[in-house]
Amino acid sequence: MTEDQIAEEDIEFPTIVNIDFEIGDHVVYPHHGAGKVLKKEVKKMFGEEREYLTIKILHNDMTVMVPCENAGIAGLRHIIDEKTIQEVLAVLQDELSEMPKNWNRRFKHNRDKIKTGVIHELAEVVRNLAIREHDKGLSTGEKQMYTRAKKILASELMYALDKSEDEAEAYLDDLLAESAGAQVAATAAKA
């Protein structure tokens, strides 16, 4: 399998679904993480009246406004359910998946997976970077990507598992350290 095939393979792009969100809903904005819908209001912008959602992203104290009609295109979705939590935890504990060897192709491959907004893809990137960090270390760009991807994943797990932000991050760190350590040890034993 060539690196270009790896870069294109298994990136699962979501079907665009427009959900009607309400004030108080916990949601995920793929590039920023989990937050809460604070307002739903009609605003006039660029000469057009449109209904907007105001979302407070909790892990970085950012507020974003998303037009309701574009929420699906932006990838806005509800927090994962119990079944999906179990699937994500399984992905985090799974083996390293094949990635391009060249760091900038690997970086693009991982960035494209994160952009999908699919939590399974995000979990796979976090897992692969955790294993690579534990085994060989990461480039500066990959370290930044790993930190950001972990924050986004932890922000959703915070709501899904009903934990504080610190508890969710500690839970994720412990899970990744255990899984990455086991993966590196298993690979070393095979060699």
Protein backbone atom coordinates (compact mmCIF):
# COMPACT_ATOMS: atom_id res chain seq x y z
CA MET A 1 0.00 0.00 0.00
CA THR A 2 1.44 3.39 -0.97
CA GLU A 3 1.49 6.41 1.31
CA ASP A 4 -1.06 8.17 -0.92
CA GLN A 5 -3.42 5.19 -0.57
CA ILE A 6 -2.99 5.29 3.21
CA ALA A 7 -3.71 9.03 3.20
CA GLU A 8 -7.02 8.49 1.38
CA GLU A 9 -8.03 5.16 2.91
CA ASP A 10 -10.51 4.81 5.74
CA ILE A 11 -11.29 8.49 6.19
CA GLU A 12 -14.97 8.37 6.99
CA PHE A 13 -16.77 11.56 6.02
CA PRO A 14 -20.09 12.06 7.79
CA THR A 15 -23.43 12.44 6.10
CA ILE A 16 -24.60 16.03 6.52
CA VAL A 17 -27.57 16.14 8.86
CA ASN A 18 -29.16 19.37 10.01
CA ILE A 19 -30.37 18.98 13.59
CA ASP A 20 -32.63 21.44 15.35
CA PHE A 21 -30.62 22.46 18.43
CA GLU A 22 -32.16 24.12 21.47
CA ILE A 23 -30.81 26.42 24.18
CA GLY A 24 -29.00 24.34 26.80
CA ASP A 25 -28.08 21.48 24.42
CA HIS A 26 -24.56 20.11 24.77
CA VAL A 27 -23.07 19.97 21.30
CA VAL A 28 -19.77 19.29 19.54
CA TYR A 29 -18.27 21.69 17.05
CA PRO A 30 -15.66 19.47 15.34
CA HIS A 31 -12.71 21.86 15.14
CA HIS A 32 -13.19 23.31 18.61
CA GLY A 33 -14.73 20.66 20.86
CA ALA A 34 -17.77 20.36 23.07
CA GLY A 35 -19.86 23.26 24.26
CA LYS A 36 -23.29 24.42 25.23
CA VAL A 37 -25.89 26.29 23.17
CA LEU A 38 -26.38 29.60 24.99
CA LYS A 39 -28.69 31.43 22.58
CA LYS A 40 -30.79 30.89 19.51
CA GLU A 41 -31.66 34.21 17.93
CA VAL A 42 -32.37 35.96 14.67
CA LYS A 43 -29.66 38.41 13.66
CA LYS A 44 -29.17 40.59 10.65
CA MET A 45 -25.73 40.08 9.17
CA PHE A 46 -24.51 41.05 5.72
CA GLY A 47 -27.99 42.39 4.94
CA GLU A 48 -29.71 39.07 5.66
CA GLU A 49 -31.77 37.98 8.63
CA ARG A 50 -30.85 34.48 9.76
CA GLU A 51 -31.27 32.41 12.88
CA TYR A 52 -27.99 31.78 14.73
CA LEU A 53 -26.85 29.52 17.53
CA THR A 54 -24.41 31.00 20.03
CA ILE A 55 -22.25 28.23 21.46
CA LYS A 56 -19.85 28.47 24.37
CA ILE A 57 -16.91 26.08 23.86
CA LEU A 58 -16.03 25.21 27.41
CA HIS A 59 -12.47 23.91 27.28
CA ASN A 60 -11.03 27.07 25.70
CA ASP A 61 -13.58 29.68 26.79
CA MET A 62 -14.46 30.57 23.20
CA THR A 63 -17.88 31.60 21.90
CA VAL A 64 -18.91 30.81 18.33
CA MET A 65 -21.99 31.72 16.29
CA VAL A 66 -23.29 29.25 13.73
CA PRO A 67 -26.19 29.90 11.35
CA CYS A 68 -28.87 27.28 12.17
CA GLU A 69 -29.27 26.43 8.49
CA ASN A 70 -25.52 25.65 8.25
CA ALA A 71 -25.18 23.72 11.51
CA GLY A 72 -25.07 20.38 9.67
CA ILE A 73 -22.53 21.61 7.14
CA ALA A 74 -20.37 22.91 10.01
CA GLY A 75 -20.55 19.40 11.52
CA LEU A 76 -22.39 20.49 14.65
CA ARG A 77 -23.82 17.46 16.44
CA HIS A 78 -25.05 16.25 19.83
CA ILE A 79 -22.71 14.66 22.39
CA ILE A 80 -22.14 10.93 21.85
CA ASP A 81 -24.37 8.34 23.49
CA GLU A 82 -23.42 5.37 25.71
CA LYS A 83 -22.96 2.95 22.78
CA THR A 84 -20.66 5.38 20.97
CA ILE A 85 -18.68 6.01 24.18
CA GLN A 86 -17.89 2.28 24.32
CA GLU A 87 -16.90 2.28 20.62
CA VAL A 88 -14.60 5.28 21.15
CA LEU A 89 -12.96 3.69 24.20
CA ALA A 90 -12.36 0.55 22.10
CA VAL A 91 -10.74 2.64 19.35
CA LEU A 92 -8.48 4.29 21.93
CA GLN A 93 -7.31 0.85 23.11
CA ASP A 94 -6.94 -0.66 19.65
CA GLU A 95 -3.66 -1.20 17.80
CA LEU A 96 -1.81 1.48 15.87
CA SER A 97 -3.28 1.81 12.39
CA GLU A 98 -1.14 2.17 9.30
CA MET A 99 -0.08 5.75 8.64
CA PRO A 100 2.24 7.42 6.14
CA LYS A 101 5.89 7.26 7.24
CA ASN A 102 6.70 10.75 5.98
CA TRP A 103 5.84 13.20 8.80
CA ASN A 104 4.17 15.86 6.62
CA ARG A 105 1.99 13.28 4.84
CA ARG A 106 1.15 11.78 8.22
CA PHE A 107 0.29 15.26 9.52
CA LYS A 108 -2.05 15.90 6.55
CA HIS A 109 -3.60 12.42 6.93
CA ASN A 110 -4.33 13.07 10.61
CA ARG A 111 -5.57 16.62 9.98
CA ASP A 112 -8.00 15.30 7.36
CA LYS A 113 -9.32 12.70 9.84
CA ILE A 114 -9.85 15.38 12.50
CA LYS A 115 -11.65 17.62 9.98
CA THR A 116 -14.33 14.97 9.38
CA GLY A 117 -15.82 15.69 12.80
CA VAL A 118 -16.35 11.93 13.28
CA ILE A 119 -15.39 11.05 16.85
CA HIS A 120 -14.08 7.60 15.86
CA GLU A 121 -11.64 9.27 13.44
CA LEU A 122 -10.57 11.76 16.13
CA ALA A 123 -10.05 8.92 18.62
CA GLU A 124 -7.94 7.05 16.06
CA VAL A 125 -5.71 10.09 15.54
CA VAL A 126 -5.33 10.59 19.30
CA ARG A 127 -4.49 6.90 19.80
CA ASN A 128 -1.98 6.77 16.94
CA LEU A 129 -0.23 9.94 18.08
CA ALA A 130 -0.15 8.70 21.70
CA ILE A 131 1.49 5.44 20.62
CA ARG A 132 3.95 7.26 18.37
CA GLU A 133 4.76 9.75 21.16
CA HIS A 134 5.36 6.89 23.59
CA ASP A 135 7.50 4.97 21.08
CA LYS A 136 9.48 7.47 18.99
CA GLY A 137 8.36 10.94 19.97
CA LEU A 138 6.52 13.47 17.80
CA SER A 139 7.56 16.43 15.69
CA THR A 140 6.60 19.85 17.02
CA GLY A 141 3.61 20.09 14.65
CA GLU A 142 2.40 16.62 15.60
CA LYS A 143 2.77 17.42 19.32
CA GLN A 144 0.57 20.48 18.84
CA MET A 145 -1.95 18.42 16.86
CA TYR A 146 -1.92 15.71 19.55
CA THR A 147 -2.50 18.23 22.35
CA ARG A 148 -5.34 19.92 20.45
CA ALA A 149 -7.00 16.64 19.37
CA LYS A 150 -6.79 15.31 22.93
CA LYS A 151 -8.42 18.50 24.26
CA ILE A 152 -11.27 18.21 21.74
CA LEU A 153 -11.81 14.53 22.59
CA ALA A 154 -11.60 15.14 26.35
CA SER A 155 -14.11 18.00 26.07
CA GLU A 156 -16.69 15.62 24.61
CA LEU A 157 -15.87 12.83 27.04
CA MET A 158 -16.35 15.36 29.84
CA TYR A 159 -20.05 15.65 28.96
CA ALA A 160 -20.52 12.06 27.80
CA LEU A 161 -19.02 10.57 30.98
CA ASP A 162 -20.33 13.32 33.28
CA LYS A 163 -16.86 14.33 34.51
CA SER A 164 -15.16 17.65 35.14
CA GLU A 165 -12.73 18.87 32.48
CA ASP A 166 -9.73 17.85 34.63
CA GLU A 167 -11.23 14.43 35.36
CA ALA A 168 -11.95 13.80 31.68
CA GLU A 169 -8.40 14.79 30.69
CA ALA A 170 -6.87 12.61 33.44
CA TYR A 171 -9.11 9.69 32.42
CA LEU A 172 -8.04 10.05 28.78
CA ASP A 173 -4.34 10.44 29.70
CA ASP A 174 -4.43 7.30 31.87
CA LEU A 175 -6.21 5.28 29.18
CA LEU A 176 -3.76 6.42 26.49
CA ALA A 177 -0.66 5.82 28.64
CA GLU A 178 -1.81 2.29 29.45
CA SER A 179 -2.77 1.50 25.85
CA ALA A 180 0.33 3.10 24.26
CA GLY A 181 2.63 1.35 26.73
CA ALA A 182 1.02 -2.00 25.94
CA GLN A 183 1.25 -1.36 22.18
CA VAL A 184 4.95 -0.41 22.31
CA ALA A 185 5.74 -3.43 24.51
CA ALA A 186 3.85 -5.78 22.16
CA THR A 187 5.69 -4.37 19.13
CA ALA A 188 9.06 -4.74 20.89
CA ALA A 189 8.24 -8.34 21.81
CA LYS A 190 7.51 -9.17 18.15
CA ALA A 191 10.87 -7.75 17.00
